[in-house]
Amino acid sequence: MRVLSPEEQRRFTEYLLQDMDSCRFGMLLALLTGLRVGEICALRWSDISLSHRTISVRQTMQRLKDTENVENTESQESGENRKTKILISAPKSSTSVRVIPLNRELTELCRKWKPLNPKAYVLTGEEKRYMEPRTLQYRMERYTKACGLEGVHFHTLRHSFATRCVEAGFEMKSLSEILGHSSPRITLERYVHSSLELKRENMDRLTLMG
């Protein structure tokens, strides 16, 4: 899985902060919290507590085949009719329902962008209009291309978040719970990618201990 280097992450963060709108804010929030694409799409401002400095992950969004075929769901951005429907529901696993703490800097950014309506979706700033995962992926493509980044998908943000946390010395069980994994083993095997610089620092520690 592609992971942003620290330099690439800085470049992408600076791009999102320029001319920031609700979508760019939501994407940056996902990068700094490890939220899945369906989770950030379903996130409303009522899920973010500025007083407690937390995000409560309680729902996820996904596009599924409409087996009943009652009506086609229209994509809000492409305008194409599909035999699919958007479903917003609780995550499949109980560990995905979680509370993520926010640092002070991110809390202040949330305070700046919080709309008057707490029922508004984070990605749109509106209560009645959401942004589905497919549309967010399209936006991601445009943004990363503008930054000169290649091979980056939305899930790259989650992997990059996990890697930055390990580089910062996160305790593994805490990181596993923040990511919504059932065990730290999943976090280690699938989401943690040590950089060469981190490996070098670890090797230097061995030298000092010796």
N, C-alpha and C. Protein backbone atom coordinates (compact mmCIF):
# COMPACT_ATOMS: atom_id res chain seq x y z
N MET A 1 0.84 -1.20 0.00
CA MET A 1 0.00 0.00 0.00
C MET A 1 0.87 1.24 0.00
N ARG A 2 0.49 2.18 -0.81
CA ARG A 2 1.20 3.46 -0.91
C ARG A 2 1.07 4.24 0.39
N VAL A 3 2.18 4.77 0.87
CA VAL A 3 2.21 5.61 2.06
C VAL A 3 2.89 6.93 1.70
N LEU A 4 2.30 8.03 2.10
CA LEU A 4 2.92 9.33 1.85
C LEU A 4 4.17 9.49 2.69
N SER A 5 5.23 9.98 2.08
CA SER A 5 6.42 10.32 2.84
C SER A 5 6.12 11.58 3.64
N PRO A 6 6.90 11.89 4.67
CA PRO A 6 6.66 13.14 5.41
C PRO A 6 6.64 14.37 4.51
N GLU A 7 7.51 14.41 3.50
CA GLU A 7 7.55 15.55 2.60
C GLU A 7 6.29 15.61 1.75
N GLU A 8 5.85 14.46 1.25
CA GLU A 8 4.62 14.41 0.46
C GLU A 8 3.41 14.80 1.29
N GLN A 9 3.40 14.36 2.54
CA GLN A 9 2.28 14.70 3.41
C GLN A 9 2.22 16.20 3.69
N ARG A 10 3.38 16.82 3.89
CA ARG A 10 3.43 18.27 4.08
C ARG A 10 2.91 18.99 2.85
N ARG A 11 3.34 18.51 1.68
CA ARG A 11 2.91 19.13 0.42
C ARG A 11 1.39 19.02 0.24
N PHE A 12 0.86 17.85 0.53
CA PHE A 12 -0.58 17.62 0.38
C PHE A 12 -1.37 18.43 1.41
N THR A 13 -0.86 18.50 2.63
CA THR A 13 -1.53 19.28 3.69
C THR A 13 -1.57 20.75 3.32
N GLU A 14 -0.46 21.28 2.81
CA GLU A 14 -0.42 22.68 2.41
C GLU A 14 -1.40 22.96 1.28
N TYR A 15 -1.53 22.00 0.37
CA TYR A 15 -2.48 22.16 -0.74
C TYR A 15 -3.92 22.22 -0.22
N LEU A 16 -4.26 21.34 0.72
CA LEU A 16 -5.62 21.30 1.26
C LEU A 16 -5.95 22.57 2.04
N LEU A 17 -4.95 23.13 2.70
CA LEU A 17 -5.17 24.34 3.50
C LEU A 17 -5.37 25.58 2.63
N GLN A 18 -4.85 25.52 1.40
CA GLN A 18 -5.03 26.65 0.48
C GLN A 18 -6.45 26.60 -0.10
N ASP A 19 -7.14 27.72 -0.08
CA ASP A 19 -8.51 27.78 -0.61
C ASP A 19 -9.36 26.66 -0.03
N MET A 20 -9.26 26.43 1.26
CA MET A 20 -9.95 25.31 1.89
C MET A 20 -11.47 25.47 1.82
N ASP A 21 -12.13 24.35 1.51
CA ASP A 21 -13.58 24.29 1.56
C ASP A 21 -13.95 23.08 2.42
N SER A 22 -15.23 22.75 2.49
CA SER A 22 -15.67 21.65 3.36
C SER A 22 -15.06 20.31 2.94
N CYS A 23 -14.94 20.08 1.64
CA CYS A 23 -14.38 18.82 1.16
C CYS A 23 -12.91 18.70 1.52
N ARG A 24 -12.15 19.76 1.28
CA ARG A 24 -10.72 19.72 1.61
C ARG A 24 -10.51 19.60 3.12
N PHE A 25 -11.37 20.26 3.89
CA PHE A 25 -11.28 20.14 5.34
C PHE A 25 -11.52 18.69 5.76
N GLY A 26 -12.55 18.05 5.20
CA GLY A 26 -12.85 16.67 5.55
C GLY A 26 -11.74 15.72 5.17
N MET A 27 -11.10 15.99 4.03
CA MET A 27 -9.99 15.14 3.60
C MET A 27 -8.80 15.28 4.54
N LEU A 28 -8.53 16.50 4.98
CA LEU A 28 -7.45 16.73 5.92
C LEU A 28 -7.77 16.08 7.27
N LEU A 29 -9.03 16.14 7.67
CA LEU A 29 -9.45 15.51 8.91
C LEU A 29 -9.22 14.00 8.85
N ALA A 30 -9.50 13.40 7.71
CA ALA A 30 -9.26 11.95 7.54
C ALA A 30 -7.77 11.64 7.59
N LEU A 31 -6.96 12.48 6.98
CA LEU A 31 -5.51 12.28 6.99
C LEU A 31 -4.94 12.32 8.40
N LEU A 32 -5.53 13.16 9.26
CA LEU A 32 -4.99 13.36 10.61
C LEU A 32 -5.69 12.53 11.68
N THR A 33 -6.65 11.71 11.27
CA THR A 33 -7.34 10.85 12.25
C THR A 33 -7.44 9.40 11.81
N GLY A 34 -7.13 9.10 10.55
CA GLY A 34 -7.20 7.72 10.08
C GLY A 34 -8.60 7.24 9.75
N LEU A 35 -9.55 8.15 9.55
CA LEU A 35 -10.91 7.75 9.22
C LEU A 35 -10.97 7.07 7.86
N ARG A 36 -11.83 6.07 7.75
CA ARG A 36 -12.07 5.40 6.48
C ARG A 36 -12.91 6.31 5.58
N VAL A 37 -12.91 6.02 4.28
CA VAL A 37 -13.63 6.87 3.34
C VAL A 37 -15.13 6.89 3.64
N GLY A 38 -15.71 5.73 3.95
CA GLY A 38 -17.13 5.69 4.27
C GLY A 38 -17.47 6.41 5.56
N GLU A 39 -16.52 6.41 6.49
CA GLU A 39 -16.74 7.07 7.79
C GLU A 39 -16.73 8.58 7.65
N ILE A 40 -15.80 9.12 6.88
CA ILE A 40 -15.75 10.58 6.71
C ILE A 40 -16.94 11.05 5.87
N CYS A 41 -17.42 10.22 4.94
CA CYS A 41 -18.58 10.60 4.13
C CYS A 41 -19.86 10.65 4.98
N ALA A 42 -19.96 9.79 5.97
CA ALA A 42 -21.15 9.74 6.81
C ALA A 42 -21.06 10.66 8.02
N LEU A 43 -19.90 11.25 8.24
CA LEU A 43 -19.68 12.05 9.45
C LEU A 43 -20.45 13.37 9.40
N ARG A 44 -21.17 13.65 10.48
CA ARG A 44 -21.87 14.92 10.64
C ARG A 44 -21.19 15.72 11.75
N TRP A 45 -21.44 17.01 11.76
CA TRP A 45 -20.81 17.86 12.77
C TRP A 45 -21.28 17.53 14.18
N SER A 46 -22.45 16.92 14.30
CA SER A 46 -22.93 16.51 15.62
C SER A 46 -22.07 15.38 16.21
N ASP A 47 -21.26 14.74 15.36
CA ASP A 47 -20.36 13.67 15.82
C ASP A 47 -19.04 14.23 16.36
N ILE A 48 -18.82 15.52 16.18
CA ILE A 48 -17.58 16.15 16.62
C ILE A 48 -17.85 17.02 17.84
N SER A 49 -17.19 16.72 18.94
CA SER A 49 -17.35 17.50 20.17
C SER A 49 -16.12 18.37 20.38
N LEU A 50 -16.30 19.68 20.29
CA LEU A 50 -15.19 20.59 20.50
C LEU A 50 -14.85 20.71 21.98
N SER A 51 -15.85 20.58 22.85
CA SER A 51 -15.60 20.67 24.29
C SER A 51 -14.81 19.47 24.81
N HIS A 52 -15.12 18.28 24.26
CA HIS A 52 -14.40 17.07 24.67
C HIS A 52 -13.22 16.76 23.75
N ARG A 53 -13.14 17.49 22.63
CA ARG A 53 -12.08 17.29 21.63
C ARG A 53 -12.06 15.84 21.14
N THR A 54 -13.22 15.41 20.63
CA THR A 54 -13.35 14.03 20.15
C THR A 54 -14.20 13.96 18.88
N ILE A 55 -13.99 12.87 18.15
CA ILE A 55 -14.86 12.49 17.04
C ILE A 55 -15.48 11.15 17.40
N SER A 56 -16.79 11.06 17.33
CA SER A 56 -17.48 9.79 17.58
C SER A 56 -17.83 9.16 16.23
N VAL A 57 -17.25 8.01 15.96
CA VAL A 57 -17.51 7.30 14.71
C VAL A 57 -18.64 6.32 14.97
N ARG A 58 -19.79 6.61 14.38
CA ARG A 58 -20.97 5.78 14.64
C ARG A 58 -21.63 5.26 13.37
N GLN A 59 -21.27 5.83 12.22
CA GLN A 59 -21.90 5.43 10.97
C GLN A 59 -20.88 5.38 9.84
N THR A 60 -21.24 4.67 8.81
CA THR A 60 -20.41 4.62 7.60
C THR A 60 -21.33 4.66 6.39
N MET A 61 -20.79 5.08 5.27
CA MET A 61 -21.57 5.20 4.03
C MET A 61 -20.98 4.31 2.96
N GLN A 62 -21.84 3.64 2.23
CA GLN A 62 -21.37 2.81 1.12
C GLN A 62 -22.42 2.77 0.03
N ARG A 63 -21.96 2.55 -1.21
CA ARG A 63 -22.88 2.40 -2.33
C ARG A 63 -23.02 0.91 -2.62
N LEU A 64 -24.25 0.43 -2.59
CA LEU A 64 -24.54 -0.99 -2.78
C LEU A 64 -25.46 -1.20 -3.96
N LYS A 65 -25.46 -2.41 -4.49
CA LYS A 65 -26.40 -2.76 -5.55
C LYS A 65 -27.81 -2.73 -4.99
N ASP A 66 -28.70 -2.15 -5.76
CA ASP A 66 -30.10 -2.08 -5.35
C ASP A 66 -30.78 -3.37 -5.77
N THR A 67 -30.78 -4.36 -4.89
CA THR A 67 -31.33 -5.68 -5.23
C THR A 67 -32.83 -5.63 -5.48
N GLU A 68 -33.51 -4.68 -4.82
CA GLU A 68 -34.95 -4.56 -5.04
C GLU A 68 -35.25 -3.89 -6.37
N ASN A 69 -34.26 -3.11 -6.86
CA ASN A 69 -34.38 -2.43 -8.15
C ASN A 69 -35.66 -1.58 -8.23
N VAL A 70 -36.00 -0.95 -7.10
CA VAL A 70 -37.18 -0.11 -7.08
C VAL A 70 -36.95 1.17 -7.88
N GLU A 71 -35.80 1.76 -7.64
CA GLU A 71 -35.47 2.98 -8.38
C GLU A 71 -33.96 3.12 -8.45
N ASN A 72 -33.50 3.82 -9.44
CA ASN A 72 -32.07 4.07 -9.58
C ASN A 72 -31.68 5.25 -8.73
N THR A 73 -30.47 5.19 -8.17
CA THR A 73 -29.96 6.29 -7.38
C THR A 73 -29.10 7.16 -8.28
N GLU A 74 -29.31 8.45 -8.25
CA GLU A 74 -28.56 9.36 -9.12
C GLU A 74 -27.33 9.88 -8.40
N SER A 75 -26.19 9.76 -9.05
CA SER A 75 -24.96 10.30 -8.48
C SER A 75 -25.06 11.81 -8.43
N GLN A 76 -24.74 12.39 -7.29
CA GLN A 76 -24.91 13.83 -7.11
C GLN A 76 -23.91 14.64 -7.91
N GLU A 77 -22.78 14.05 -8.28
CA GLU A 77 -21.78 14.82 -9.00
C GLU A 77 -21.75 14.46 -10.49
N SER A 78 -21.86 13.17 -10.81
CA SER A 78 -21.75 12.77 -12.21
C SER A 78 -23.08 12.87 -12.95
N GLY A 79 -24.20 12.79 -12.19
CA GLY A 79 -25.49 12.88 -12.83
C GLY A 79 -25.91 11.59 -13.52
N GLU A 80 -25.14 10.52 -13.35
CA GLU A 80 -25.45 9.26 -14.01
C GLU A 80 -26.38 8.42 -13.14
N ASN A 81 -27.34 7.73 -13.80
CA ASN A 81 -28.24 6.84 -13.08
C ASN A 81 -27.61 5.47 -12.95
N ARG A 82 -27.66 4.94 -11.78
CA ARG A 82 -27.08 3.62 -11.51
C ARG A 82 -28.11 2.77 -10.79
N LYS A 83 -28.03 1.46 -10.99
CA LYS A 83 -28.90 0.55 -10.25
C LYS A 83 -28.26 0.25 -8.90
N THR A 84 -27.99 1.30 -8.20
CA THR A 84 -27.36 1.18 -6.88
C THR A 84 -28.01 2.18 -5.95
N LYS A 85 -27.69 2.06 -4.68
CA LYS A 85 -28.24 3.00 -3.70
C LYS A 85 -27.19 3.26 -2.63
N ILE A 86 -27.29 4.41 -2.01
CA ILE A 86 -26.40 4.79 -0.93
C ILE A 86 -27.01 4.32 0.39
N LEU A 87 -26.20 3.65 1.18
CA LEU A 87 -26.64 3.17 2.49
C LEU A 87 -25.77 3.78 3.57
N ILE A 88 -26.40 4.43 4.53
CA ILE A 88 -25.70 4.95 5.70
C ILE A 88 -26.16 4.15 6.90
N SER A 89 -25.24 3.45 7.53
CA SER A 89 -25.60 2.55 8.62
C SER A 89 -24.44 2.44 9.60
N ALA A 90 -24.68 1.72 10.68
CA ALA A 90 -23.62 1.47 11.66
C ALA A 90 -22.54 0.61 11.02
N PRO A 91 -21.27 0.78 11.41
CA PRO A 91 -20.20 -0.06 10.87
C PRO A 91 -20.46 -1.54 11.16
N LYS A 92 -19.90 -2.39 10.32
CA LYS A 92 -20.13 -3.83 10.47
C LYS A 92 -19.56 -4.39 11.76
N SER A 93 -18.38 -3.91 12.15
CA SER A 93 -17.74 -4.43 13.36
C SER A 93 -17.93 -3.48 14.53
N SER A 94 -18.03 -4.04 15.72
CA SER A 94 -18.23 -3.23 16.92
C SER A 94 -17.02 -2.36 17.22
N THR A 95 -15.82 -2.82 16.84
CA THR A 95 -14.61 -2.05 17.12
C THR A 95 -14.50 -0.81 16.24
N SER A 96 -15.25 -0.80 15.13
CA SER A 96 -15.23 0.38 14.26
C SER A 96 -16.03 1.53 14.86
N VAL A 97 -16.94 1.21 15.78
CA VAL A 97 -17.66 2.24 16.52
C VAL A 97 -16.74 2.69 17.64
N ARG A 98 -16.25 3.92 17.57
CA ARG A 98 -15.18 4.33 18.46
C ARG A 98 -15.17 5.84 18.67
N VAL A 99 -14.36 6.28 19.60
CA VAL A 99 -14.16 7.70 19.85
C VAL A 99 -12.70 8.03 19.60
N ILE A 100 -12.45 9.01 18.75
CA ILE A 100 -11.09 9.41 18.38
C ILE A 100 -10.79 10.76 19.02
N PRO A 101 -9.75 10.86 19.82
CA PRO A 101 -9.39 12.16 20.41
C PRO A 101 -8.75 13.08 19.36
N LEU A 102 -8.97 14.37 19.53
CA LEU A 102 -8.39 15.37 18.64
C LEU A 102 -7.32 16.16 19.37
N ASN A 103 -6.23 16.48 18.68
CA ASN A 103 -5.25 17.36 19.32
C ASN A 103 -5.76 18.80 19.26
N ARG A 104 -5.08 19.69 19.93
CA ARG A 104 -5.57 21.07 20.05
C ARG A 104 -5.60 21.79 18.70
N GLU A 105 -4.58 21.55 17.88
CA GLU A 105 -4.51 22.22 16.58
C GLU A 105 -5.68 21.82 15.70
N LEU A 106 -5.99 20.52 15.68
CA LEU A 106 -7.09 20.04 14.86
C LEU A 106 -8.44 20.48 15.42
N THR A 107 -8.53 20.58 16.74
CA THR A 107 -9.75 21.07 17.38
C THR A 107 -10.04 22.50 16.95
N GLU A 108 -9.00 23.33 16.91
CA GLU A 108 -9.18 24.73 16.51
C GLU A 108 -9.57 24.84 15.05
N LEU A 109 -9.05 23.94 14.21
CA LEU A 109 -9.44 23.94 12.80
C LEU A 109 -10.91 23.54 12.67
N CYS A 110 -11.34 22.58 13.48
CA CYS A 110 -12.75 22.18 13.48
C CYS A 110 -13.63 23.34 13.94
N ARG A 111 -13.17 24.06 14.94
CA ARG A 111 -13.94 25.19 15.45
C ARG A 111 -14.14 26.25 14.35
N LYS A 112 -13.11 26.42 13.54
CA LYS A 112 -13.17 27.41 12.47
C LYS A 112 -14.17 27.02 11.39
N TRP A 113 -14.30 25.72 11.12
CA TRP A 113 -15.12 25.27 10.01
C TRP A 113 -16.51 24.77 10.43
N LYS A 114 -16.76 24.70 11.72
CA LYS A 114 -18.04 24.18 12.17
C LYS A 114 -19.19 25.10 11.75
N PRO A 115 -20.20 24.57 11.05
CA PRO A 115 -21.34 25.38 10.64
C PRO A 115 -22.34 25.55 11.79
N LEU A 116 -23.34 26.38 11.58
CA LEU A 116 -24.35 26.60 12.61
C LEU A 116 -25.22 25.36 12.80
N ASN A 117 -25.44 24.62 11.73
CA ASN A 117 -26.29 23.44 11.79
C ASN A 117 -25.47 22.20 12.16
N PRO A 118 -25.66 21.64 13.35
CA PRO A 118 -24.87 20.47 13.76
C PRO A 118 -25.21 19.21 12.96
N LYS A 119 -26.34 19.22 12.24
CA LYS A 119 -26.72 18.05 11.46
C LYS A 119 -26.04 18.04 10.08
N ALA A 120 -25.32 19.08 9.77
CA ALA A 120 -24.66 19.16 8.46
C ALA A 120 -23.58 18.10 8.32
N TYR A 121 -23.43 17.57 7.12
CA TYR A 121 -22.34 16.65 6.83
C TYR A 121 -21.03 17.43 6.79
N VAL A 122 -19.99 16.83 7.29
CA VAL A 122 -18.69 17.50 7.34
C VAL A 122 -18.18 17.82 5.93
N LEU A 123 -18.37 16.93 4.99
CA LEU A 123 -17.81 17.11 3.64
C LEU A 123 -18.55 18.15 2.80
N THR A 124 -19.78 18.47 3.17
CA THR A 124 -20.56 19.41 2.36
C THR A 124 -20.97 20.67 3.13
N GLY A 125 -21.01 20.58 4.45
CA GLY A 125 -21.48 21.70 5.25
C GLY A 125 -22.99 21.89 5.18
N GLU A 126 -23.70 20.90 4.64
CA GLU A 126 -25.15 20.96 4.49
C GLU A 126 -25.80 19.72 5.09
N GLU A 127 -27.03 19.89 5.56
CA GLU A 127 -27.74 18.76 6.18
C GLU A 127 -28.32 17.79 5.16
N LYS A 128 -28.82 18.30 4.06
CA LYS A 128 -29.54 17.47 3.10
C LYS A 128 -28.67 16.92 1.98
N ARG A 129 -27.44 17.39 1.89
CA ARG A 129 -26.58 16.95 0.79
C ARG A 129 -25.31 16.31 1.32
N TYR A 130 -25.10 15.07 0.92
CA TYR A 130 -23.90 14.36 1.32
C TYR A 130 -22.96 14.23 0.13
N MET A 131 -21.75 13.76 0.38
CA MET A 131 -20.80 13.42 -0.68
C MET A 131 -20.48 11.94 -0.53
N GLU A 132 -20.75 11.18 -1.56
CA GLU A 132 -20.55 9.75 -1.46
C GLU A 132 -19.08 9.38 -1.68
N PRO A 133 -18.68 8.17 -1.26
CA PRO A 133 -17.28 7.75 -1.38
C PRO A 133 -16.71 7.85 -2.79
N ARG A 134 -17.49 7.47 -3.79
CA ARG A 134 -16.98 7.51 -5.16
C ARG A 134 -16.64 8.93 -5.58
N THR A 135 -17.50 9.87 -5.22
CA THR A 135 -17.25 11.27 -5.55
C THR A 135 -16.02 11.79 -4.83
N LEU A 136 -15.87 11.39 -3.57
CA LEU A 136 -14.70 11.82 -2.80
C LEU A 136 -13.42 11.27 -3.40
N GLN A 137 -13.48 10.05 -3.91
CA GLN A 137 -12.31 9.47 -4.58
C GLN A 137 -11.94 10.28 -5.82
N TYR A 138 -12.95 10.73 -6.57
CA TYR A 138 -12.69 11.55 -7.75
C TYR A 138 -12.00 12.86 -7.35
N ARG A 139 -12.49 13.46 -6.28
CA ARG A 139 -11.87 14.70 -5.78
C ARG A 139 -10.42 14.43 -5.37
N MET A 140 -10.21 13.31 -4.72
CA MET A 140 -8.86 12.93 -4.27
C MET A 140 -7.91 12.84 -5.46
N GLU A 141 -8.40 12.26 -6.54
CA GLU A 141 -7.59 12.15 -7.75
C GLU A 141 -7.15 13.51 -8.25
N ARG A 142 -8.07 14.43 -8.29
CA ARG A 142 -7.77 15.78 -8.78
C ARG A 142 -6.77 16.49 -7.86
N TYR A 143 -6.99 16.39 -6.57
CA TYR A 143 -6.13 17.08 -5.61
C TYR A 143 -4.70 16.55 -5.64
N THR A 144 -4.57 15.22 -5.65
CA THR A 144 -3.22 14.64 -5.64
C THR A 144 -2.48 14.90 -6.95
N LYS A 145 -3.22 14.92 -8.04
CA LYS A 145 -2.60 15.23 -9.34
C LYS A 145 -2.08 16.65 -9.33
N ALA A 146 -2.84 17.57 -8.73
CA ALA A 146 -2.42 18.97 -8.64
C ALA A 146 -1.17 19.12 -7.78
N CYS A 147 -0.98 18.18 -6.85
CA CYS A 147 0.20 18.22 -5.97
C CYS A 147 1.39 17.47 -6.55
N GLY A 148 1.18 16.82 -7.69
CA GLY A 148 2.26 16.04 -8.28
C GLY A 148 2.48 14.71 -7.59
N LEU A 149 1.43 14.19 -6.93
CA LEU A 149 1.54 12.90 -6.23
C LEU A 149 0.93 11.81 -7.10
N GLU A 150 1.61 10.67 -7.19
CA GLU A 150 1.14 9.57 -8.01
C GLU A 150 0.83 8.35 -7.15
N GLY A 151 -0.13 7.55 -7.65
CA GLY A 151 -0.46 6.29 -6.99
C GLY A 151 -1.11 6.46 -5.63
N VAL A 152 -1.78 7.59 -5.41
CA VAL A 152 -2.39 7.86 -4.11
C VAL A 152 -3.89 7.64 -4.19
N HIS A 153 -4.42 6.84 -3.28
CA HIS A 153 -5.86 6.63 -3.14
C HIS A 153 -6.28 7.09 -1.75
N PHE A 154 -7.59 7.12 -1.53
CA PHE A 154 -8.04 7.63 -0.24
C PHE A 154 -7.52 6.78 0.91
N HIS A 155 -7.42 5.48 0.69
CA HIS A 155 -6.93 4.60 1.76
C HIS A 155 -5.47 4.89 2.10
N THR A 156 -4.77 5.55 1.17
CA THR A 156 -3.39 5.94 1.44
C THR A 156 -3.31 6.86 2.66
N LEU A 157 -4.34 7.70 2.83
CA LEU A 157 -4.36 8.62 3.97
C LEU A 157 -4.38 7.85 5.28
N ARG A 158 -5.14 6.80 5.33
CA ARG A 158 -5.25 5.98 6.55
C ARG A 158 -3.92 5.28 6.86
N HIS A 159 -3.30 4.73 5.83
CA HIS A 159 -2.00 4.08 6.02
C HIS A 159 -0.94 5.10 6.43
N SER A 160 -1.00 6.28 5.85
CA SER A 160 -0.03 7.32 6.18
C SER A 160 -0.21 7.77 7.63
N PHE A 161 -1.46 7.92 8.06
CA PHE A 161 -1.73 8.29 9.45
C PHE A 161 -1.13 7.27 10.41
N ALA A 162 -1.36 5.98 10.14
CA ALA A 162 -0.84 4.93 11.01
C ALA A 162 0.68 4.96 11.06
N THR A 163 1.30 5.18 9.92
CA THR A 163 2.76 5.22 9.85
C THR A 163 3.32 6.41 10.62
N ARG A 164 2.70 7.60 10.46
CA ARG A 164 3.15 8.78 11.21
C ARG A 164 3.02 8.55 12.72
N CYS A 165 1.96 7.86 13.14
CA CYS A 165 1.75 7.59 14.56
C CYS A 165 2.86 6.69 15.11
N VAL A 166 3.24 5.68 14.35
CA VAL A 166 4.32 4.79 14.78
C VAL A 166 5.64 5.56 14.86
N GLU A 167 5.88 6.42 13.87
CA GLU A 167 7.10 7.23 13.87
C GLU A 167 7.14 8.17 15.07
N ALA A 168 5.95 8.58 15.54
CA ALA A 168 5.89 9.49 16.69
C ALA A 168 5.94 8.74 18.02
N GLY A 169 5.98 7.39 17.95
CA GLY A 169 6.10 6.60 19.18
C GLY A 169 4.78 6.24 19.83
N PHE A 170 3.69 6.16 19.04
CA PHE A 170 2.39 5.79 19.59
C PHE A 170 2.43 4.41 20.25
N GLU A 171 1.70 4.26 21.33
CA GLU A 171 1.51 2.95 21.94
C GLU A 171 0.56 2.17 21.03
N MET A 172 0.92 0.93 20.69
CA MET A 172 0.23 0.20 19.63
C MET A 172 -1.23 -0.09 19.92
N LYS A 173 -1.57 -0.39 21.15
CA LYS A 173 -2.97 -0.69 21.47
C LYS A 173 -3.84 0.55 21.28
N SER A 174 -3.32 1.71 21.66
CA SER A 174 -4.07 2.95 21.46
C SER A 174 -4.29 3.22 19.98
N LEU A 175 -3.25 3.02 19.19
CA LEU A 175 -3.36 3.25 17.75
C LEU A 175 -4.37 2.29 17.13
N SER A 176 -4.35 1.04 17.57
CA SER A 176 -5.29 0.04 17.07
C SER A 176 -6.73 0.44 17.34
N GLU A 177 -6.99 0.97 18.52
CA GLU A 177 -8.34 1.39 18.88
C GLU A 177 -8.76 2.64 18.12
N ILE A 178 -7.84 3.56 17.89
CA ILE A 178 -8.14 4.76 17.11
C ILE A 178 -8.51 4.39 15.67
N LEU A 179 -7.83 3.39 15.12
CA LEU A 179 -8.11 2.95 13.76
C LEU A 179 -9.35 2.06 13.67
N GLY A 180 -9.84 1.58 14.83
CA GLY A 180 -11.03 0.73 14.84
C GLY A 180 -10.74 -0.71 14.50
N HIS A 181 -9.55 -1.17 14.83
CA HIS A 181 -9.18 -2.56 14.57
C HIS A 181 -9.54 -3.44 15.77
N SER A 182 -9.73 -4.72 15.49
CA SER A 182 -10.09 -5.65 16.56
C SER A 182 -8.90 -6.05 17.41
N SER A 183 -7.68 -5.87 16.86
CA SER A 183 -6.48 -6.21 17.63
C SER A 183 -5.28 -5.44 17.10
N PRO A 184 -4.27 -5.20 17.94
CA PRO A 184 -3.05 -4.52 17.48
C PRO A 184 -2.33 -5.30 16.37
N ARG A 185 -2.56 -6.60 16.32
CA ARG A 185 -1.90 -7.41 15.29
C ARG A 185 -2.30 -6.97 13.89
N ILE A 186 -3.58 -6.65 13.71
CA ILE A 186 -4.05 -6.19 12.40
C ILE A 186 -3.38 -4.87 12.04
N THR A 187 -3.25 -4.00 13.03
CA THR A 187 -2.60 -2.70 12.80
C THR A 187 -1.16 -2.90 12.35
N LEU A 188 -0.45 -3.78 13.02
CA LEU A 188 0.95 -4.02 12.70
C LEU A 188 1.12 -4.66 11.32
N GLU A 189 0.29 -5.65 11.02
CA GLU A 189 0.48 -6.42 9.79
C GLU A 189 0.01 -5.68 8.54
N ARG A 190 -1.04 -4.86 8.67
CA ARG A 190 -1.64 -4.27 7.48
C ARG A 190 -1.41 -2.78 7.32
N TYR A 191 -1.21 -2.07 8.42
CA TYR A 191 -1.24 -0.62 8.32
C TYR A 191 0.04 0.10 8.72
N VAL A 192 0.97 -0.59 9.29
CA VAL A 192 2.18 0.08 9.75
C VAL A 192 3.31 -0.16 8.77
N HIS A 193 3.85 0.92 8.23
CA HIS A 193 4.93 0.84 7.26
C HIS A 193 6.08 1.72 7.75
N SER A 194 7.11 1.08 8.23
CA SER A 194 8.24 1.83 8.79
C SER A 194 9.06 2.47 7.68
N SER A 195 9.38 3.72 7.86
CA SER A 195 10.22 4.41 6.90
C SER A 195 11.68 4.04 7.13
N LEU A 196 12.51 4.30 6.14
CA LEU A 196 13.94 4.02 6.26
C LEU A 196 14.53 4.85 7.40
N GLU A 197 14.05 6.09 7.53
CA GLU A 197 14.56 6.96 8.59
C GLU A 197 14.25 6.40 9.97
N LEU A 198 13.05 5.85 10.15
CA LEU A 198 12.69 5.25 11.43
C LEU A 198 13.54 4.01 11.71
N LYS A 199 13.79 3.22 10.69
CA LYS A 199 14.64 2.04 10.86
C LYS A 199 16.06 2.46 11.25
N ARG A 200 16.52 3.54 10.62
CA ARG A 200 17.86 4.04 10.94
C ARG A 200 17.94 4.52 12.39
N GLU A 201 16.90 5.21 12.84
CA GLU A 201 16.86 5.68 14.23
C GLU A 201 16.88 4.51 15.20
N ASN A 202 16.14 3.46 14.89
CA ASN A 202 16.12 2.27 15.74
C ASN A 202 17.49 1.60 15.78
N MET A 203 18.15 1.55 14.64
CA MET A 203 19.48 0.94 14.60
C MET A 203 20.47 1.79 15.40
N ASP A 204 20.32 3.11 15.34
CA ASP A 204 21.19 3.99 16.13
C ASP A 204 20.98 3.78 17.61
N ARG A 205 19.75 3.50 18.03
CA ARG A 205 19.50 3.22 19.43
C ARG A 205 20.24 1.98 19.89
N LEU A 206 20.31 0.99 19.02
CA LEU A 206 21.04 -0.23 19.36
C LEU A 206 22.52 0.08 19.56
N THR A 207 23.05 0.94 18.71
CA THR A 207 24.46 1.33 18.83
C THR A 207 24.72 2.00 20.16
N LEU A 208 23.81 2.89 20.56
CA LEU A 208 23.97 3.59 21.82
C LEU A 208 23.86 2.64 23.00
N MET A 209 22.94 1.68 22.90
CA MET A 209 22.77 0.72 23.99
C MET A 209 23.99 -0.18 24.11
N GLY A 210 24.60 -0.46 22.95
CA GLY A 210 25.77 -1.33 22.97
C GLY A 210 26.96 -0.65 23.57
